[in-house]
Amino acid sequence: MAYTEDQLTALEAALAKGEKRVTFGDKTVEYRSVDELKEAIRAVERGLSTQAANTGLIPPAPRQIRILTGKGF
Protein backbone atom coordinates (compact mmCIF):
# COMPACT_ATOMS: atom_id res chain seq x y z
CA MET A 1 0.00 0.00 0.00
CA ALA A 2 1.26 3.47 -0.84
CA TYR A 3 1.52 5.78 2.14
CA THR A 4 1.93 9.55 2.23
CA GLU A 5 3.64 11.98 4.59
CA ASP A 6 0.19 13.47 5.30
CA GLN A 7 -1.01 10.15 6.71
CA LEU A 8 2.03 9.90 8.95
CA THR A 9 1.55 13.48 10.13
CA ALA A 10 -2.12 12.83 10.94
CA LEU A 11 -1.29 9.68 12.91
CA GLU A 12 1.45 11.41 14.90
CA ALA A 13 -0.82 14.39 15.62
CA ALA A 14 -3.54 12.08 16.91
CA LEU A 15 -1.04 10.31 19.15
CA ALA A 16 0.23 13.63 20.51
CA LYS A 17 -3.32 14.77 21.28
CA GLY A 18 -4.27 11.45 22.86
CA GLU A 19 -6.98 10.78 20.28
CA LYS A 20 -7.76 7.38 18.83
CA ARG A 21 -9.69 8.61 15.79
CA VAL A 22 -7.78 9.70 12.68
CA THR A 23 -9.18 11.19 9.46
CA PHE A 24 -7.38 10.88 6.12
CA GLY A 25 -9.28 12.88 3.53
CA ASP A 26 -12.70 11.23 3.41
CA LYS A 27 -11.79 8.16 5.51
CA THR A 28 -11.97 7.97 9.30
CA VAL A 29 -10.28 5.24 11.30
CA GLU A 30 -10.77 4.66 15.01
CA TYR A 31 -8.07 2.65 16.75
CA ARG A 32 -8.85 0.50 19.80
CA SER A 33 -5.79 1.45 21.79
CA VAL A 34 -2.72 3.67 21.81
CA ASP A 35 -0.57 0.62 21.09
CA GLU A 36 -2.57 -0.06 17.94
CA LEU A 37 -2.09 3.58 16.89
CA LYS A 38 1.67 3.31 17.50
CA GLU A 39 1.78 0.14 15.39
CA ALA A 40 0.00 1.98 12.57
CA ILE A 41 2.62 4.74 12.77
CA ARG A 42 5.42 2.16 12.56
CA ALA A 43 3.73 0.50 9.56
CA VAL A 44 3.45 3.82 7.73
CA GLU A 45 7.09 4.67 8.51
CA ARG A 46 8.20 1.26 7.19
CA GLY A 47 6.09 1.75 4.07
CA LEU A 48 7.51 5.21 3.42
CA SER A 49 11.09 4.01 3.81
CA THR A 50 10.43 1.05 1.48
CA GLN A 51 8.90 3.37 -1.10
CA ALA A 52 11.88 5.71 -0.86
CA ALA A 53 14.33 2.83 -1.28
CA ASN A 54 12.42 1.43 -4.28
CA THR A 55 12.32 4.78 -6.06
CA GLY A 56 16.00 5.50 -5.46
CA LEU A 57 15.51 8.41 -3.06
CA ILE A 58 17.64 6.59 -0.50
CA PRO A 59 20.94 5.39 -1.96
CA PRO A 60 21.88 1.76 -1.35
CA ALA A 61 24.56 0.92 1.17
CA PRO A 62 28.07 1.18 -0.29
CA ARG A 63 29.75 -2.10 -1.09
CA GLN A 64 33.19 -2.81 0.28
CA ILE A 65 35.84 -5.13 -1.03
CA ARG A 66 38.63 -5.99 1.39
CA ILE A 67 41.88 -7.52 0.25
CA LEU A 68 44.10 -9.10 2.87
CA THR A 69 47.64 -10.12 1.99
CA GLY A 70 50.45 -11.73 3.85
CA LYS A 71 53.91 -13.09 3.22
CA GLY A 72 52.95 -16.63 4.07
CA PHE A 73 55.31 -17.14 7.01
PDB file of N, CA and C in Angstrom:
ATOM      1  N   MET A   1       0.839  -1.170   0.000  1.00  0.00           N
ATOM      2  CA  MET A   1       0.000   0.000   0.000  1.00  0.00           C
ATOM      3  C   MET A   1       0.892   1.243   0.000  1.00  0.00           C
ATOM      4  N   ALA A   2       0.496   2.224  -0.754  1.00  0.00           N
ATOM      5  CA  ALA A   2       1.259   3.468  -0.839  1.00  0.00           C
ATOM      6  C   ALA A   2       0.821   4.419   0.269  1.00  0.00           C
ATOM      7  N   TYR A   3       1.789   4.853   1.047  1.00  0.00           N
ATOM      8  CA  TYR A   3       1.520   5.777   2.144  1.00  0.00           C
ATOM      9  C   TYR A   3       2.012   7.171   1.764  1.00  0.00           C
ATOM     10  N   THR A   4       1.499   8.183   2.461  1.00  0.00           N
ATOM     11  CA  THR A   4       1.934   9.552   2.229  1.00  0.00           C
ATOM     12  C   THR A   4       2.405  10.166   3.534  1.00  0.00           C
ATOM     13  N   GLU A   5       3.161  11.240   3.407  1.00  0.00           N
ATOM     14  CA  GLU A   5       3.635  11.977   4.589  1.00  0.00           C
ATOM     15  C   GLU A   5       2.446  12.567   5.359  1.00  0.00           C
ATOM     16  N   ASP A   6       1.376  12.919   4.641  1.00  0.00           N
ATOM     17  CA  ASP A   6       0.190  13.471   5.305  1.00  0.00           C
ATOM     18  C   ASP A   6      -0.447  12.454   6.253  1.00  0.00           C
ATOM     19  N   GLN A   7      -0.470  11.192   5.839  1.00  0.00           N
ATOM     20  CA  GLN A   7      -1.008  10.149   6.706  1.00  0.00           C
ATOM     21  C   GLN A   7      -0.162   9.999   7.966  1.00  0.00           C
ATOM     22  N   LEU A   8       1.138  10.020   7.791  1.00  0.00           N
ATOM     23  CA  LEU A   8       2.032   9.903   8.946  1.00  0.00           C
ATOM     24  C   LEU A   8       1.852  11.086   9.886  1.00  0.00           C
ATOM     25  N   THR A   9       1.738  12.277   9.324  1.00  0.00           N
ATOM     26  CA  THR A   9       1.547  13.477  10.134  1.00  0.00           C
ATOM     27  C   THR A   9       0.242  13.407  10.912  1.00  0.00           C
ATOM     28  N   ALA A  10      -0.817  12.940  10.268  1.00  0.00           N
ATOM     29  CA  ALA A  10      -2.123  12.832  10.938  1.00  0.00           C
ATOM     30  C   ALA A  10      -2.075  11.814  12.073  1.00  0.00           C
ATOM     31  N   LEU A  11      -1.402  10.688  11.858  1.00  0.00           N
ATOM     32  CA  LEU A  11      -1.285   9.676  12.907  1.00  0.00           C
ATOM     33  C   LEU A  11      -0.484  10.203  14.093  1.00  0.00           C
ATOM     34  N   GLU A  12       0.629  10.878  13.810  1.00  0.00           N
ATOM     35  CA  GLU A  12       1.449  11.406  14.896  1.00  0.00           C
ATOM     36  C   GLU A  12       0.729  12.518  15.653  1.00  0.00           C
ATOM     37  N   ALA A  13      -0.047  13.335  14.953  1.00  0.00           N
ATOM     38  CA  ALA A  13      -0.820  14.393  15.617  1.00  0.00           C
ATOM     39  C   ALA A  13      -1.879  13.792  16.528  1.00  0.00           C
ATOM     40  N   ALA A  14      -2.535  12.735  16.078  1.00  0.00           N
ATOM     41  CA  ALA A  14      -3.545  12.080  16.907  1.00  0.00           C
ATOM     42  C   ALA A  14      -2.912  11.476  18.152  1.00  0.00           C
ATOM     43  N   LEU A  15      -1.739  10.889  17.997  1.00  0.00           N
ATOM     44  CA  LEU A  15      -1.044  10.309  19.147  1.00  0.00           C
ATOM     45  C   LEU A  15      -0.651  11.398  20.136  1.00  0.00           C
ATOM     46  N   ALA A  16      -0.178  12.528  19.624  1.00  0.00           N
ATOM     47  CA  ALA A  16       0.230  13.628  20.505  1.00  0.00           C
ATOM     48  C   ALA A  16      -0.952  14.211  21.265  1.00  0.00           C
ATOM     49  N   LYS A  17      -2.123  14.228  20.643  1.00  0.00           N
ATOM     50  CA  LYS A  17      -3.318  14.775  21.284  1.00  0.00           C
ATOM     51  C   LYS A  17      -4.018  13.762  22.184  1.00  0.00           C
ATOM     52  N   GLY A  18      -3.628  12.496  22.067  1.00  0.00           N
ATOM     53  CA  GLY A  18      -4.274  11.454  22.861  1.00  0.00           C
ATOM     54  C   GLY A  18      -5.563  10.952  22.244  1.00  0.00           C
ATOM     55  N   GLU A  19      -5.771  11.229  20.976  1.00  0.00           N
ATOM     56  CA  GLU A  19      -6.980  10.778  20.283  1.00  0.00           C
ATOM     57  C   GLU A  19      -6.753   9.401  19.690  1.00  0.00           C
ATOM     58  N   LYS A  20      -7.841   8.683  19.471  1.00  0.00           N
ATOM     59  CA  LYS A  20      -7.758   7.381  18.825  1.00  0.00           C
ATOM     60  C   LYS A  20      -8.454   7.378  17.470  1.00  0.00           C
ATOM     61  N   ARG A  21      -9.004   8.504  17.072  1.00  0.00           N
ATOM     62  CA  ARG A  21      -9.690   8.612  15.793  1.00  0.00           C
ATOM     63  C   ARG A  21      -8.864   9.504  14.869  1.00  0.00           C
ATOM     64  N   VAL A  22      -8.599   8.988  13.654  1.00  0.00           N
ATOM     65  CA  VAL A  22      -7.777   9.697  12.684  1.00  0.00           C
ATOM     66  C   VAL A  22      -8.551   9.795  11.378  1.00  0.00           C
ATOM     67  N   THR A  23      -8.499  10.976  10.737  1.00  0.00           N
ATOM     68  CA  THR A  23      -9.177  11.185   9.462  1.00  0.00           C
ATOM     69  C   THR A  23      -8.152  11.471   8.379  1.00  0.00           C
ATOM     70  N   PHE A  24      -8.217  10.682   7.297  1.00  0.00           N
ATOM     71  CA  PHE A  24      -7.379  10.878   6.117  1.00  0.00           C
ATOM     72  C   PHE A  24      -8.314  11.226   4.963  1.00  0.00           C
ATOM     73  N   GLY A  25      -8.389  12.478   4.624  1.00  0.00           N
ATOM     74  CA  GLY A  25      -9.275  12.882   3.530  1.00  0.00           C
ATOM     75  C   GLY A  25     -10.719  12.569   3.862  1.00  0.00           C
ATOM     76  N   ASP A  26     -11.303  11.592   3.170  1.00  0.00           N
ATOM     77  CA  ASP A  26     -12.696  11.233   3.408  1.00  0.00           C
ATOM     78  C   ASP A  26     -12.855   9.966   4.253  1.00  0.00           C
ATOM     79  N   LYS A  27     -11.747   9.390   4.706  1.00  0.00           N
ATOM     80  CA  LYS A  27     -11.794   8.163   5.510  1.00  0.00           C
ATOM     81  C   LYS A  27     -11.479   8.475   6.969  1.00  0.00           C
ATOM     82  N   THR A  28     -12.211   7.830   7.870  1.00  0.00           N
ATOM     83  CA  THR A  28     -11.971   7.966   9.297  1.00  0.00           C
ATOM     84  C   THR A  28     -11.703   6.587   9.881  1.00  0.00           C
ATOM     85  N   VAL A  29     -10.647   6.501  10.661  1.00  0.00           N
ATOM     86  CA  VAL A  29     -10.276   5.238  11.301  1.00  0.00           C
ATOM     87  C   VAL A  29     -10.209   5.480  12.794  1.00  0.00           C
ATOM     88  N   GLU A  30     -10.845   4.576  13.552  1.00  0.00           N
ATOM     89  CA  GLU A  30     -10.768   4.661  15.011  1.00  0.00           C
ATOM     90  C   GLU A  30     -10.004   3.451  15.525  1.00  0.00           C
ATOM     91  N   TYR A  31      -8.908   3.716  16.220  1.00  0.00           N
ATOM     92  CA  TYR A  31      -8.066   2.652  16.752  1.00  0.00           C
ATOM     93  C   TYR A  31      -8.551   2.275  18.148  1.00  0.00           C
ATOM     94  N   ARG A  32      -8.366   0.996  18.510  1.00  0.00           N
ATOM     95  CA  ARG A  32      -8.852   0.504  19.798  1.00  0.00           C
ATOM     96  C   ARG A  32      -7.988   0.943  20.955  1.00  0.00           C
ATOM     97  N   SER A  33      -6.688   1.105  20.696  1.00  0.00           N
ATOM     98  CA  SER A  33      -5.787   1.453  21.789  1.00  0.00           C
ATOM     99  C   SER A  33      -4.642   2.312  21.261  1.00  0.00           C
ATOM    100  N   VAL A  34      -3.886   2.872  22.180  1.00  0.00           N
ATOM    101  CA  VAL A  34      -2.720   3.672  21.812  1.00  0.00           C
ATOM    102  C   VAL A  34      -1.658   2.780  21.179  1.00  0.00           C
ATOM    103  N   ASP A  35      -1.537   1.545  21.669  1.00  0.00           N
ATOM    104  CA  ASP A  35      -0.566   0.618  21.092  1.00  0.00           C
ATOM    105  C   ASP A  35      -0.884   0.321  19.630  1.00  0.00           C
ATOM    106  N   GLU A  36      -2.168   0.177  19.316  1.00  0.00           N
ATOM    107  CA  GLU A  36      -2.574  -0.062  17.938  1.00  0.00           C
ATOM    108  C   GLU A  36      -2.266   1.159  17.064  1.00  0.00           C
ATOM    109  N   LEU A  37      -2.424   2.350  17.600  1.00  0.00           N
ATOM    110  CA  LEU A  37      -2.089   3.577  16.888  1.00  0.00           C
ATOM    111  C   LEU A  37      -0.580   3.668  16.653  1.00  0.00           C
ATOM    112  N   LYS A  38       0.215   3.302  17.661  1.00  0.00           N
ATOM    113  CA  LYS A  38       1.668   3.311  17.501  1.00  0.00           C
ATOM    114  C   LYS A  38       2.114   2.294  16.444  1.00  0.00           C
ATOM    115  N   GLU A  39       1.462   1.147  16.408  1.00  0.00           N
ATOM    116  CA  GLU A  39       1.782   0.137  15.394  1.00  0.00           C
ATOM    117  C   GLU A  39       1.439   0.648  13.999  1.00  0.00           C
ATOM    118  N   ALA A  40       0.354   1.390  13.864  1.00  0.00           N
ATOM    119  CA  ALA A  40      -0.001   1.982  12.572  1.00  0.00           C
ATOM    120  C   ALA A  40       1.053   2.997  12.145  1.00  0.00           C
ATOM    121  N   ILE A  41       1.566   3.777  13.085  1.00  0.00           N
ATOM    122  CA  ILE A  41       2.622   4.739  12.768  1.00  0.00           C
ATOM    123  C   ILE A  41       3.870   4.010  12.295  1.00  0.00           C
ATOM    124  N   ARG A  42       4.245   2.931  12.979  1.00  0.00           N
ATOM    125  CA  ARG A  42       5.421   2.155  12.564  1.00  0.00           C
ATOM    126  C   ARG A  42       5.220   1.556  11.170  1.00  0.00           C
ATOM    127  N   ALA A  43       4.007   1.084  10.877  1.00  0.00           N
ATOM    128  CA  ALA A  43       3.729   0.503   9.561  1.00  0.00           C
ATOM    129  C   ALA A  43       3.851   1.559   8.466  1.00  0.00           C
ATOM    130  N   VAL A  44       3.353   2.750   8.720  1.00  0.00           N
ATOM    131  CA  VAL A  44       3.455   3.822   7.728  1.00  0.00           C
ATOM    132  C   VAL A  44       4.904   4.233   7.541  1.00  0.00           C
ATOM    133  N   GLU A  45       5.674   4.325   8.618  1.00  0.00           N
ATOM    134  CA  GLU A  45       7.094   4.668   8.506  1.00  0.00           C
ATOM    135  C   GLU A  45       7.852   3.623   7.701  1.00  0.00           C
ATOM    136  N   ARG A  46       7.555   2.329   7.959  1.00  0.00           N
ATOM    137  CA  ARG A  46       8.195   1.260   7.185  1.00  0.00           C
ATOM    138  C   ARG A  46       7.817   1.363   5.709  1.00  0.00           C
ATOM    139  N   GLY A  47       6.549   1.624   5.451  1.00  0.00           N
ATOM    140  CA  GLY A  47       6.095   1.749   4.069  1.00  0.00           C
ATOM    141  C   GLY A  47       6.746   2.917   3.348  1.00  0.00           C
ATOM    142  N   LEU A  48       6.870   4.041   4.041  1.00  0.00           N
ATOM    143  CA  LEU A  48       7.509   5.209   3.421  1.00  0.00           C
ATOM    144  C   LEU A  48       8.979   4.952   3.132  1.00  0.00           C
ATOM    145  N   SER A  49       9.678   4.289   4.052  1.00  0.00           N
ATOM    146  CA  SER A  49      11.091   4.010   3.814  1.00  0.00           C
ATOM    147  C   SER A  49      11.264   2.993   2.685  1.00  0.00           C
ATOM    148  N   THR A  50      10.371   2.021   2.580  1.00  0.00           N
ATOM    149  CA  THR A  50      10.426   1.054   1.485  1.00  0.00           C
ATOM    150  C   THR A  50      10.172   1.744   0.154  1.00  0.00           C
ATOM    151  N   GLN A  51       9.183   2.631   0.124  1.00  0.00           N
ATOM    152  CA  GLN A  51       8.896   3.371  -1.102  1.00  0.00           C
ATOM    153  C   GLN A  51      10.087   4.226  -1.515  1.00  0.00           C
ATOM    154  N   ALA A  52      10.727   4.872  -0.552  1.00  0.00           N
ATOM    155  CA  ALA A  52      11.881   5.714  -0.857  1.00  0.00           C
ATOM    156  C   ALA A  52      13.042   4.879  -1.386  1.00  0.00           C
ATOM    157  N   ALA A  53      13.244   3.704  -0.820  1.00  0.00           N
ATOM    158  CA  ALA A  53      14.331   2.833  -1.283  1.00  0.00           C
ATOM    159  C   ALA A  53      14.039   2.306  -2.689  1.00  0.00           C
ATOM    160  N   ASN A  54      12.781   1.971  -2.964  1.00  0.00           N
ATOM    161  CA  ASN A  54      12.419   1.431  -4.276  1.00  0.00           C
ATOM    162  C   ASN A  54      12.499   2.483  -5.381  1.00  0.00           C
ATOM    163  N   THR A  55      12.271   3.730  -5.048  1.00  0.00           N
ATOM    164  CA  THR A  55      12.316   4.778  -6.065  1.00  0.00           C
ATOM    165  C   THR A  55      13.694   5.398  -6.209  1.00  0.00           C
ATOM    166  N   GLY A  56      14.641   4.999  -5.361  1.00  0.00           N
ATOM    167  CA  GLY A  56      15.998   5.503  -5.460  1.00  0.00           C
ATOM    168  C   GLY A  56      16.249   6.778  -4.680  1.00  0.00           C
ATOM    169  N   LEU A  57      15.294   7.203  -3.851  1.00  0.00           N
ATOM    170  CA  LEU A  57      15.507   8.409  -3.057  1.00  0.00           C
ATOM    171  C   LEU A  57      16.530   8.185  -1.955  1.00  0.00           C
ATOM    172  N   ILE A  58      16.630   6.955  -1.487  1.00  0.00           N
ATOM    173  CA  ILE A  58      17.638   6.585  -0.495  1.00  0.00           C
ATOM    174  C   ILE A  58      18.676   5.741  -1.219  1.00  0.00           C
ATOM    175  N   PRO A  59      19.923   6.172  -1.242  1.00  0.00           N
ATOM    176  CA  PRO A  59      20.939   5.390  -1.961  1.00  0.00           C
ATOM    177  C   PRO A  59      21.207   4.072  -1.240  1.00  0.00           C
ATOM    178  N   PRO A  60      21.564   3.044  -1.997  1.00  0.00           N
ATOM    179  CA  PRO A  60      21.878   1.760  -1.346  1.00  0.00           C
ATOM    180  C   PRO A  60      23.170   1.869  -0.546  1.00  0.00           C
ATOM    181  N   ALA A  61      23.353   0.946   0.340  1.00  0.00           N
ATOM    182  CA  ALA A  61      24.561   0.920   1.170  1.00  0.00           C
ATOM    183  C   ALA A  61      25.782   0.684   0.279  1.00  0.00           C
ATOM    184  N   PRO A  62      26.868   1.381   0.539  1.00  0.00           N
ATOM    185  CA  PRO A  62      28.068   1.180  -0.290  1.00  0.00           C
ATOM    186  C   PRO A  62      28.642  -0.223  -0.085  1.00  0.00           C
ATOM    187  N   ARG A  63      29.146  -0.782  -1.171  1.00  0.00           N
ATOM    188  CA  ARG A  63      29.755  -2.103  -1.086  1.00  0.00           C
ATOM    189  C   ARG A  63      31.235  -1.954  -0.817  1.00  0.00           C
ATOM    190  N   GLN A  64      31.765  -2.858  -0.047  1.00  0.00           N
ATOM    191  CA  GLN A  64      33.187  -2.806   0.280  1.00  0.00           C
ATOM    192  C   GLN A  64      33.854  -4.115  -0.149  1.00  0.00           C
ATOM    193  N   ILE A  65      35.024  -3.964  -0.679  1.00  0.00           N
ATOM    194  CA  ILE A  65      35.838  -5.131  -1.031  1.00  0.00           C
ATOM    195  C   ILE A  65      37.129  -5.009  -0.230  1.00  0.00           C
ATOM    196  N   ARG A  66      37.420  -6.009   0.567  1.00  0.00           N
ATOM    197  CA  ARG A  66      38.630  -5.989   1.389  1.00  0.00           C
ATOM    198  C   ARG A  66      39.595  -7.035   0.880  1.00  0.00           C
ATOM    199  N   ILE A  67      40.829  -6.611   0.718  1.00  0.00           N
ATOM    200  CA  ILE A  67      41.875  -7.516   0.255  1.00  0.00           C
ATOM    201  C   ILE A  67      42.905  -7.633   1.386  1.00  0.00           C
ATOM    202  N   LEU A  68      43.122  -8.840   1.808  1.00  0.00           N
ATOM    203  CA  LEU A  68      44.099  -9.105   2.867  1.00  0.00           C
ATOM    204  C   LEU A  68      45.262  -9.866   2.246  1.00  0.00           C
ATOM    205  N   THR A  69      46.456  -9.432   2.521  1.00  0.00           N
ATOM    206  CA  THR A  69      47.637 -10.115   1.991  1.00  0.00           C
ATOM    207  C   THR A  69      48.594 -10.435   3.132  1.00  0.00           C
ATOM    208  N   GLY A  70      49.442 -11.351   2.880  1.00  0.00           N
ATOM    209  CA  GLY A  70      50.452 -11.733   3.851  1.00  0.00           C
ATOM    210  C   GLY A  70      51.629 -12.359   3.129  1.00  0.00           C
ATOM    211  N   LYS A  71      52.723 -12.519   3.837  1.00  0.00           N
ATOM    212  CA  LYS A  71      53.914 -13.091   3.216  1.00  0.00           C
ATOM    213  C   LYS A  71      53.928 -14.618   3.290  1.00  0.00           C
ATOM    214  N   GLY A  72      53.029 -15.194   4.019  1.00  0.00           N
ATOM    215  CA  GLY A  72      52.953 -16.635   4.068  1.00  0.00           C
ATOM    216  C   GLY A  72      53.884 -17.286   5.070  1.00  0.00           C
ATOM    217  N   PHE A  73      54.415 -16.541   6.010  1.00  0.00           N
ATOM    218  CA  PHE A  73      55.312 -17.143   7.013  1.00  0.00           C
ATOM    219  C   PHE A  73      54.546 -17.880   8.032  1.00  0.00           C
TER     220      PHE A  73
END
